Protein backbone atom coordinates (compact mmCIF):
# COMPACT_ATOMS: atom_id res chain seq x y z
CA MET A 1 7.95 -4.78 -25.48
CA SER A 2 5.12 -5.90 -23.47
CA SER A 3 4.10 -4.14 -20.61
CA ASP A 4 5.69 -7.23 -18.60
CA ASN A 5 9.08 -6.20 -19.78
CA ILE A 6 8.70 -3.17 -18.74
CA THR A 7 9.28 -3.16 -14.03
CA GLY A 8 11.72 -2.20 -11.20
CA ILE A 9 12.99 1.13 -10.47
CA LEU A 10 11.72 3.60 -13.90
CA PRO A 11 13.67 7.56 -12.90
CA PRO A 12 10.65 10.07 -13.84
CA LEU A 13 13.29 11.81 -15.92
CA ILE A 14 13.70 16.11 -15.07
CA THR A 15 14.17 17.63 -18.22
CA SER A 16 16.96 19.82 -18.55
CA PHE A 17 17.38 24.03 -19.59
CA THR A 18 19.67 26.52 -20.55
CA GLU A 19 20.14 29.57 -17.57
CA THR A 20 18.14 31.10 -20.28
CA GLY A 21 15.39 29.05 -20.61
CA GLU A 22 16.46 26.74 -23.41
CA ILE A 23 16.04 23.06 -23.71
CA TYR A 24 19.92 21.51 -23.08
CA GLU A 25 20.31 18.43 -25.06
CA LYS A 26 24.23 17.85 -23.39
CA GLY A 27 22.25 18.39 -19.86
CA ILE A 28 19.45 15.95 -20.86
CA ARG A 29 22.12 13.98 -22.17
CA ASN A 30 24.92 13.92 -18.99
CA VAL A 31 21.51 12.56 -16.87
CA VAL A 32 20.77 10.03 -18.73
CA ASN A 33 24.27 8.31 -18.78
CA PHE A 34 24.90 9.36 -15.52
CA LEU A 35 21.62 7.49 -14.86
CA LEU A 36 22.23 4.49 -16.34
CA GLU A 37 25.38 4.06 -15.84
CA ARG A 38 24.11 3.34 -12.02
CA GLY A 39 21.54 0.99 -13.46
CA VAL A 40 18.28 2.21 -13.52
CA HIS A 41 15.98 -0.34 -15.35
CA GLY A 42 13.84 2.21 -17.27
CA PHE A 43 12.61 6.07 -17.39
CA PHE A 44 9.37 7.35 -17.67
CA ILE A 45 10.23 10.61 -19.85
CA THR A 46 8.24 14.05 -19.90
CA GLY A 47 5.80 13.40 -16.97
CA SER A 48 5.39 15.74 -13.65
CA TYR A 49 9.53 16.03 -13.23
CA GLY A 50 9.90 15.90 -16.79
CA SER A 51 8.61 19.44 -17.15
CA PHE A 52 5.74 18.82 -19.34
CA PRO A 53 3.46 21.72 -18.45
CA LEU A 54 6.22 24.02 -19.13
CA MET A 55 6.93 22.71 -22.83
CA THR A 56 4.98 23.67 -25.79
CA GLU A 57 3.80 20.41 -27.54
CA GLN A 58 7.35 20.63 -30.43
CA GLU A 59 9.95 20.85 -27.17
CA ARG A 60 7.91 17.96 -25.96
CA LYS A 61 9.11 15.75 -29.13
CA ARG A 62 11.93 17.27 -29.08
CA VAL A 63 13.39 16.34 -25.34
CA VAL A 64 11.48 13.25 -26.29
CA GLU A 65 14.03 12.00 -29.13
CA ILE A 66 16.98 13.47 -27.47
CA ILE A 67 16.39 10.64 -24.54
CA LEU A 68 15.58 8.19 -27.05
CA ASN A 69 18.63 8.56 -29.04
CA GLU A 70 20.63 8.72 -25.91
CA VAL A 71 18.84 5.73 -24.38
CA ALA A 72 19.46 3.66 -27.95
CA GLY A 73 17.27 1.09 -26.79
CA ARG A 74 19.46 -0.31 -23.40
CA VAL A 75 16.19 0.24 -21.20
CA PRO A 76 12.59 1.25 -21.63
CA VAL A 77 11.36 4.50 -21.77
CA ILE A 78 7.75 5.32 -21.17
CA VAL A 79 6.66 8.44 -22.56
CA GLN A 80 3.86 11.04 -20.94
CA VAL A 81 1.65 12.28 -23.88
CA GLY A 82 -1.25 14.01 -21.25
CA ALA A 83 -2.64 17.15 -22.41
CA PRO A 84 -5.51 19.13 -22.38
CA SER A 85 -7.02 17.25 -26.20
CA THR A 86 -7.40 13.66 -26.82
CA ALA A 87 -5.89 14.66 -30.44
CA MET A 88 -3.06 16.25 -28.91
CA THR A 89 -2.88 13.16 -26.51
CA VAL A 90 -2.94 10.77 -29.23
CA GLU A 91 -0.46 13.06 -31.73
CA LEU A 92 2.09 13.03 -28.89
CA ALA A 93 1.90 9.22 -28.63
CA LYS A 94 2.16 8.29 -31.62
CA HIS A 95 5.41 10.83 -31.82
CA ALA A 96 6.85 8.46 -29.65
CA GLU A 97 5.81 4.74 -31.02
CA SER A 98 7.73 6.97 -33.91
CA VAL A 99 10.80 7.14 -32.14
CA GLY A 100 11.06 3.84 -30.55
CA ALA A 101 9.08 4.39 -26.49
CA ALA A 102 8.35 0.71 -25.15
CA ALA A 103 5.03 2.66 -23.51
CA VAL A 104 3.03 5.72 -23.15
CA SER A 105 1.64 7.05 -20.31
CA SER A 106 -1.05 10.08 -20.04
CA VAL A 107 -2.96 11.72 -17.13
CA VAL A 108 -6.85 12.19 -18.08
CA PRO A 109 -7.36 15.68 -19.99
CA PHE A 110 -6.53 18.39 -18.11
CA TYR A 111 -7.56 21.76 -17.23
CA TYR A 112 -11.50 20.93 -17.37
CA SER A 113 -11.18 17.99 -15.52
CA GLY A 114 -11.64 18.88 -12.10
CA PHE A 115 -15.40 19.96 -12.43
CA ALA A 116 -16.58 18.75 -15.98
CA TYR A 117 -16.36 15.69 -17.24
CA LYS A 118 -17.46 12.69 -16.20
CA GLU A 119 -15.81 8.95 -16.58
CA ILE A 120 -17.44 8.24 -19.84
CA HIS A 121 -15.10 11.68 -20.71
CA ILE A 122 -12.20 9.47 -19.11
CA ILE A 123 -13.07 6.14 -20.89
CA GLU A 124 -13.78 7.39 -24.36
CA HIS A 125 -10.26 9.84 -24.09
CA PHE A 126 -8.29 5.94 -23.56
CA GLU A 127 -10.38 4.60 -26.03
CA HIS A 128 -9.11 6.44 -28.42
CA LEU A 129 -5.57 6.18 -27.02
CA VAL A 130 -5.37 2.84 -27.03
CA LYS A 131 -6.68 2.79 -30.18
CA SER A 132 -3.77 4.71 -31.98
CA VAL A 133 -0.75 3.26 -30.60
CA ASN A 134 0.29 -0.45 -30.90
CA ILE A 135 2.29 0.20 -28.14
CA PRO A 136 0.92 -0.26 -24.25
CA VAL A 137 -0.46 2.82 -22.97
CA TYR A 138 -1.23 3.55 -18.95
CA LEU A 139 -2.98 5.65 -17.16
CA TYR A 140 -0.57 8.26 -14.69
CA ASN A 141 -2.96 9.22 -11.83
CA ASN A 142 -2.07 12.51 -10.57
CA PRO A 143 -4.91 14.20 -8.63
CA LYS A 144 -2.87 16.82 -6.88
CA THR A 145 -2.55 18.50 -10.45
CA THR A 146 -4.92 17.51 -12.41
CA GLY A 147 -8.50 17.83 -9.96
CA TYR A 148 -9.81 14.69 -11.43
CA CYS A 149 -8.90 11.28 -8.80
CA VAL A 150 -9.33 8.31 -10.91
CA THR A 151 -11.47 5.57 -8.54
CA PRO A 152 -10.52 2.02 -8.76
CA SER A 153 -14.43 1.02 -10.34
CA LEU A 154 -13.00 3.45 -13.40
CA LEU A 155 -9.63 1.90 -13.37
CA LEU A 156 -11.15 -1.50 -13.66
CA LYS A 157 -13.35 0.22 -16.73
CA LEU A 158 -10.42 1.61 -18.17
CA ALA A 159 -8.60 -1.94 -18.05
CA ASP A 160 -11.30 -3.34 -20.21
CA VAL A 161 -10.46 -0.83 -23.12
CA GLY A 162 -6.97 -1.32 -22.80
CA VAL A 163 -5.72 -0.32 -20.82
CA ARG A 164 -2.63 -1.85 -19.17
CA GLY A 165 -0.92 -0.62 -16.60
CA LEU A 166 -0.61 2.34 -13.77
CA LYS A 167 1.36 4.92 -12.71
CA ASP A 168 -0.20 6.16 -9.50
CA SER A 169 1.16 9.56 -7.91
CA SER A 170 -1.54 10.01 -5.80
CA GLY A 171 0.29 9.24 -2.72
CA ASP A 172 -2.43 7.26 -0.66
CA PHE A 173 -1.90 3.86 -0.34
CA MET A 174 -5.41 3.32 1.16
CA LEU A 175 -6.66 3.57 -2.99
CA PHE A 176 -3.28 2.10 -4.27
CA ALA A 177 -4.18 -1.37 -2.42
CA GLU A 178 -8.16 -0.50 -3.69
CA TYR A 179 -6.41 -0.62 -7.82
CA ILE A 180 -5.01 -4.03 -7.05
CA ARG A 181 -7.96 -5.40 -5.40
CA GLU A 182 -10.34 -4.28 -7.76
CA VAL A 183 -8.21 -4.98 -11.11
CA GLY A 184 -5.77 -7.38 -10.36
CA SER A 185 -7.93 -10.20 -9.52
CA LYS A 186 -9.49 -9.41 -13.84
CA TYR A 187 -6.08 -8.39 -15.35
CA PRO A 188 -3.09 -10.35 -13.22
CA ASP A 189 -0.81 -8.45 -15.79
CA PHE A 190 -1.82 -5.29 -15.11
CA ASN A 191 1.05 -3.43 -14.33
CA PHE A 192 0.69 -1.50 -11.13
CA MET A 193 2.60 1.44 -10.65
CA THR A 194 3.37 3.56 -7.69
CA GLY A 195 4.86 7.46 -8.22
CA THR A 196 6.73 7.38 -5.30
CA VAL A 197 9.56 6.49 -3.54
CA GLY A 198 7.79 6.71 -0.45
CA LEU A 199 5.92 4.24 -1.01
CA LEU A 200 8.13 1.54 -2.77
CA TYR A 201 8.47 -0.74 0.24
CA PRO A 202 4.64 -1.71 0.83
CA ALA A 203 3.98 -0.91 -2.40
CA PHE A 204 6.03 -3.46 -3.55
CA LEU A 205 4.67 -6.00 -1.03
CA LEU A 206 1.38 -5.58 -2.15
CA GLY A 207 1.76 -6.00 -5.69
CA ALA A 208 3.58 -3.24 -7.42
CA LYS A 209 5.63 -4.74 -10.70
CA THR A 210 7.23 -1.09 -11.16
CA CYS A 211 8.20 2.89 -8.98
CA VAL A 212 8.32 5.40 -10.86
CA ALA A 213 10.85 7.17 -8.29
CA GLY A 214 11.41 10.82 -8.22
CA THR A 215 14.09 10.26 -5.70
CA ALA A 216 15.64 7.64 -8.12
CA ASN A 217 17.31 10.91 -10.45
CA VAL A 218 19.83 11.96 -7.98
CA LEU A 219 20.27 8.61 -5.93
CA PRO A 220 19.62 6.04 -7.53
CA GLU A 221 22.10 3.63 -6.00
CA VAL A 222 19.84 4.43 -2.90
CA VAL A 223 16.82 3.14 -4.80
CA LEU A 224 18.12 0.65 -6.14
CA GLU A 225 19.30 -1.42 -3.24
CA LEU A 226 16.06 -0.82 -2.24
CA TYR A 227 13.99 -2.09 -4.51
CA ASN A 228 16.66 -5.11 -4.14
CA ALA A 229 16.30 -5.08 -0.49
CA ILE A 230 12.88 -6.48 -1.26
CA LEU A 231 13.13 -8.83 -3.92
CA GLN A 232 15.57 -10.37 -1.62
CA GLY A 233 13.19 -10.46 1.58
CA ASP A 234 15.58 -8.14 3.49
CA HIS A 235 12.86 -6.72 5.50
CA LYS A 236 15.67 -4.97 7.88
CA ARG A 237 17.01 -3.69 5.05
CA ALA A 238 14.76 -2.78 3.43
CA ALA A 239 12.54 -0.60 5.93
CA GLU A 240 16.24 0.91 6.88
CA LEU A 241 16.36 2.44 3.26
CA GLN A 242 12.64 3.23 3.39
CA LEU A 243 12.86 5.99 5.82
CA THR A 244 16.47 7.40 4.61
CA LEU A 245 15.01 8.04 1.14
CA ILE A 246 11.59 9.61 2.96
CA GLU A 247 13.76 11.98 4.59
CA VAL A 248 15.75 12.65 1.21
CA ARG A 249 12.26 13.69 -0.21
CA LYS A 250 12.09 15.53 2.42
CA LEU A 251 15.96 17.65 1.54
CA GLN A 252 14.88 17.54 -2.36
CA ALA A 253 11.22 19.64 -1.55
CA ILE A 254 13.36 22.13 0.99
CA GLU A 255 12.27 25.24 -1.28
CA GLY A 256 8.88 23.81 -1.64
CA PHE A 257 9.29 21.81 -5.15
CA ARG A 258 10.98 18.40 -4.85
CA PRO A 259 11.16 17.99 -8.80
CA ALA A 260 12.98 20.71 -9.31
CA GLY A 261 15.39 19.84 -6.12
CA CYS A 262 16.81 17.38 -8.59
CA TYR A 263 18.71 19.95 -10.38
CA SER A 264 21.07 21.25 -6.97
CA ILE A 265 21.73 17.35 -5.88
CA LEU A 266 22.80 16.04 -8.68
CA ARG A 267 25.54 19.09 -9.53
CA MET A 268 26.13 17.90 -5.77
CA ARG A 269 26.92 14.38 -7.13
CA GLY A 270 29.14 16.12 -9.93
CA VAL A 271 26.84 15.72 -12.87
CA ASP A 272 25.73 19.09 -15.47
CA PRO A 273 22.00 18.90 -15.58
CA GLY A 274 21.52 22.07 -16.85
CA THR A 275 18.84 24.28 -14.69
CA CYS A 276 15.38 24.20 -14.54
CA ARG A 277 12.64 26.60 -16.55
CA LYS A 278 10.62 29.18 -15.03
CA PRO A 279 8.86 29.53 -12.90
CA TRP A 280 9.92 26.41 -11.03
CA ARG A 281 13.25 27.70 -9.22
CA GLU A 282 16.61 25.44 -7.19
CA ILE A 283 17.53 25.32 -4.17
CA SER A 284 18.85 28.71 -3.16
CA SER A 285 22.88 28.98 -1.65
CA GLU A 286 21.49 29.10 2.06
CA ASN A 287 20.02 25.84 1.49
CA TYR A 288 21.91 24.39 -0.49
CA HIS A 289 24.69 23.41 1.93
CA ILE A 290 22.10 22.82 4.49
CA VAL A 291 20.99 19.90 2.10
CA GLU A 292 23.91 19.05 0.97
CA GLN A 293 25.78 18.56 4.76
CA ARG A 294 22.57 16.64 5.20
CA LEU A 295 23.05 14.14 2.62
CA LYS A 296 26.94 13.57 3.58
CA THR A 297 25.93 13.31 6.77
CA LEU A 298 23.56 10.23 5.50
CA GLY A 299 26.54 9.25 4.24
CA LEU A 300 24.93 9.84 0.52
CA LEU A 301 27.58 11.98 -0.57
């Protein structure tokens, strides 16, 4: 599958765990089917929402296998394979390809990235990754978690060695615009993906093809309605929905960490998603009722 086939709304799928911290296969399958039934266009898995730093390498592989098995080719799946070492990243990428991933994505090799790595380290890492698989490779730019922000000029160099797209979770709209300006003219098929639903509307107007939308884990219908409003040129409705989703993002983060809020909100919607793995914690019982009431007031439950 080419990178051009991966467009639209992709939830960065959460990973389900039991109360004692084991991978909860039934919960993963529950969430996958809940989202597919509502029409999402694909998935981005084992990323930040997917708790990848909290899992072992073997657990990451198992989660990928469960999800690819449940999806069964119905939509494309991008597997995030970032790791501290190039060797581990390549191993995870080869595994993802072998079980049916449409593409892989990777953060920069982290831990040392915030102070030790120069551009050449990043370029060589991604060049090696690109050569190791026969599916598209995307950069996942997440400077808040890696301590390293890929510049527009570096993104162009990564495109030159075969990187086919970008998931940008910087939350910096000006930076996203610079990525498109720097890379888009030379590589018109480059897949620019915004990694936040908070910038979905403006990012698509600027040329994004895809949104990896965390809030689509819990309210896929609203995110899809915004996407369709943009495609139909209904800017009034798009603006209304964008503002609504920004408020929902705040509700997800009522305990301070947005991905962990997904488990509680899915439960409000009648889905059994399991729970998060420690040190994450779900929405407290007091805040649960606050979030539930506000979502009802907004007409979202």
